Amino acid sequence: MTETRISATRTIDAPAGAIFDLLSNPAHHAALDGSGMVQSDSKSDRITGVGQTFTMNQKWDKMGGDYQTDNHVVGYDPNKLLAWKTAPAGEVPPGWEWVWELQPAGPDATEVSVTYDWSAVTDKAILKQLSFPEVSQDALDSTLANLAAQVSEA
């Protein structure tokens, strides 16, 4: 595979502010995650800017079951952009990141894109251990469906 990122896009019947409110609160991430890896947040604060780190409790057989990740916020523009680089807890991010982009699609609708990008992964040991993409296109699509369901309940 020569691609180094996958994306999913969906128009959600909610204003960008309501969607961003859910995305910027790590307590909601387990309910949004379509991969089944995210279990819960580790009492993280709401994301309010670049430079923050939030910790998530995860579960994945390739990581030996239960583990934690530190997510380093690298992009933040209220109601437009939220991005973070993920790393095993206590480690430097090895290069993959998650990017959420929101574009108005009318007064009460927003086009939401989520991108899983591993283009910055250069560590040969990691590239040998993992088979990118480790999160599938279907999982990204499911994440957007979960987001649409969650925002309609909010």
Protein backbone atom coordinates (compact mmCIF):
# COMPACT_ATOMS: atom_id res chain seq x y z
CA MET A 1 0.00 0.00 0.00
CA THR A 2 1.41 3.37 -1.00
CA GLU A 3 -1.28 5.51 0.60
CA THR A 4 -0.41 7.04 3.95
CA ARG A 5 -3.83 8.26 5.04
CA ILE A 6 -7.49 7.38 4.85
CA SER A 7 -10.46 9.68 5.33
CA ALA A 8 -14.21 9.55 5.70
CA THR A 9 -16.64 12.40 5.19
CA ARG A 10 -20.30 12.74 6.09
CA THR A 11 -22.79 15.57 6.28
CA ILE A 12 -24.32 15.63 9.75
CA ASP A 13 -27.56 17.44 10.56
CA ALA A 14 -26.15 19.63 13.33
CA PRO A 15 -24.29 22.93 13.52
CA ALA A 16 -20.49 22.78 13.70
CA GLY A 17 -20.53 24.12 17.28
CA ALA A 18 -22.54 21.16 18.58
CA ILE A 19 -20.27 18.68 16.79
CA PHE A 20 -17.09 20.41 17.95
CA ASP A 21 -18.44 20.40 21.51
CA LEU A 22 -18.62 16.57 21.40
CA LEU A 23 -15.25 16.12 19.68
CA SER A 24 -13.39 18.45 22.03
CA ASN A 25 -14.54 16.49 25.10
CA PRO A 26 -12.50 13.25 25.41
CA ALA A 27 -15.23 11.79 27.65
CA HIS A 28 -17.26 11.26 24.43
CA HIS A 29 -14.54 9.57 22.38
CA ALA A 30 -15.32 5.97 23.41
CA ALA A 31 -18.94 6.39 22.26
CA LEU A 32 -17.74 7.87 18.95
CA ASP A 33 -14.98 5.36 18.16
CA GLY A 34 -15.94 2.98 15.36
CA SER A 35 -12.84 0.78 15.79
CA GLY A 36 -13.74 -0.51 19.25
CA MET A 37 -10.27 0.34 20.59
CA VAL A 38 -11.17 3.41 22.67
CA GLN A 39 -12.61 2.29 26.00
CA SER A 40 -12.77 5.54 28.01
CA ASP A 41 -10.90 8.72 28.73
CA SER A 42 -8.65 8.99 31.74
CA LYS A 43 -10.33 11.98 33.36
CA SER A 44 -9.05 14.35 30.69
CA ASP A 45 -10.04 17.99 30.50
CA ARG A 46 -11.89 19.44 27.51
CA ILE A 47 -9.56 20.20 24.63
CA THR A 48 -9.08 23.96 24.42
CA GLY A 49 -5.91 24.43 22.39
CA VAL A 50 -2.76 23.17 20.73
CA GLY A 51 -0.19 21.78 23.15
CA GLN A 52 -2.62 19.96 25.42
CA THR A 53 -2.39 16.21 25.99
CA PHE A 54 -5.31 13.96 26.84
CA THR A 55 -5.06 10.32 27.88
CA MET A 56 -7.34 7.54 26.68
CA ASN A 57 -7.85 3.99 27.96
CA GLN A 58 -7.64 1.60 25.01
CA LYS A 59 -7.91 -2.10 24.27
CA TRP A 60 -6.18 -3.82 21.36
CA ASP A 61 -4.68 -7.27 21.07
CA LYS A 62 -1.62 -5.97 19.18
CA MET A 63 -0.79 -3.85 22.24
CA GLY A 64 -1.30 -6.74 24.65
CA GLY A 65 -4.88 -5.89 25.60
CA ASP A 66 -5.51 -2.89 27.85
CA TYR A 67 -3.19 0.11 27.52
CA GLN A 68 -3.24 3.91 27.52
CA THR A 69 -2.44 6.49 24.88
CA ASP A 70 -1.38 10.10 25.24
CA ASN A 71 -2.89 12.27 22.54
CA HIS A 72 -0.97 15.44 21.78
CA VAL A 73 -3.18 18.20 20.34
CA VAL A 74 -1.51 19.62 17.21
CA GLY A 75 -4.45 21.38 15.55
CA TYR A 76 -7.22 23.45 17.12
CA ASP A 77 -9.57 25.93 15.49
CA PRO A 78 -12.96 26.12 17.26
CA ASN A 79 -15.81 24.66 15.20
CA LYS A 80 -13.42 23.99 12.27
CA LEU A 81 -10.42 21.79 13.14
CA LEU A 82 -9.23 19.39 15.82
CA ALA A 83 -6.13 17.22 15.39
CA TRP A 84 -3.92 15.11 17.63
CA LYS A 85 -0.94 12.78 17.41
CA THR A 86 -1.32 9.55 19.35
CA ALA A 87 1.42 7.76 21.31
CA PRO A 88 1.62 4.96 23.86
CA ALA A 89 1.36 6.68 27.28
CA GLY A 90 4.60 8.37 28.29
CA GLU A 91 6.16 8.11 24.83
CA VAL A 92 6.81 10.55 22.00
CA PRO A 93 4.23 10.28 19.20
CA PRO A 94 5.62 7.96 16.52
CA GLY A 95 3.94 9.81 13.67
CA TRP A 96 0.28 8.97 13.16
CA GLU A 97 -2.40 11.54 13.73
CA TRP A 98 -6.13 12.08 13.67
CA VAL A 99 -7.54 15.16 11.97
CA TRP A 100 -11.15 16.30 12.26
CA GLU A 101 -12.35 19.03 9.88
CA LEU A 102 -15.77 20.71 9.98
CA GLN A 103 -17.27 22.79 7.18
CA PRO A 104 -20.73 24.42 7.34
CA ALA A 105 -23.20 22.80 4.93
CA GLY A 106 -26.18 25.03 5.67
CA PRO A 107 -27.60 26.58 8.84
CA ASP A 108 -28.01 23.28 10.71
CA ALA A 109 -25.72 20.90 8.84
CA THR A 110 -21.97 20.33 8.82
CA GLU A 111 -19.70 18.36 6.53
CA VAL A 112 -17.40 16.42 8.87
CA SER A 113 -14.20 14.73 7.74
CA VAL A 114 -11.99 12.50 9.84
CA THR A 115 -8.54 11.57 8.56
CA TYR A 116 -6.20 8.92 9.92
CA ASP A 117 -2.74 9.90 8.68
CA TRP A 118 0.39 7.81 9.20
CA SER A 119 2.59 9.61 6.64
CA ALA A 120 5.01 10.82 9.35
CA VAL A 121 5.77 7.32 10.69
CA THR A 122 9.41 6.67 9.82
CA ASP A 123 10.56 4.25 12.54
CA LYS A 124 11.33 1.02 10.69
CA ALA A 125 10.57 -1.12 13.76
CA ILE A 126 7.08 0.39 14.04
CA LEU A 127 6.51 0.02 10.30
CA LYS A 128 7.52 -3.65 10.59
CA GLN A 129 5.32 -4.25 13.67
CA LEU A 130 2.18 -2.48 12.44
CA SER A 131 0.31 -2.86 9.18
CA PHE A 132 -1.07 0.56 8.33
CA PRO A 133 -3.84 1.42 8.24
CA GLU A 134 -4.48 -0.18 11.61
CA VAL A 135 -7.94 1.42 11.66
CA SER A 136 -10.12 0.51 8.69
CA GLN A 137 -12.15 2.67 6.34
CA ASP A 138 -15.28 0.99 7.73
CA ALA A 139 -14.24 2.02 11.25
CA LEU A 140 -13.92 5.66 10.14
CA ASP A 141 -17.35 5.49 8.50
CA SER A 142 -18.77 3.97 11.71
CA THR A 143 -17.14 6.72 13.76
CA LEU A 144 -18.97 9.36 11.70
CA ALA A 145 -22.24 7.44 12.04
CA ASN A 146 -21.69 7.31 15.82
CA LEU A 147 -20.97 11.04 15.86
CA ALA A 148 -24.19 11.75 13.95
CA ALA A 149 -26.16 9.64 16.43
CA GLN A 150 -24.50 11.23 19.47
CA VAL A 151 -25.01 14.80 18.31
CA SER A 152 -28.68 14.12 17.56
CA GLU A 153 -29.12 12.98 21.19
CA ALA A 154 -27.27 15.96 22.68
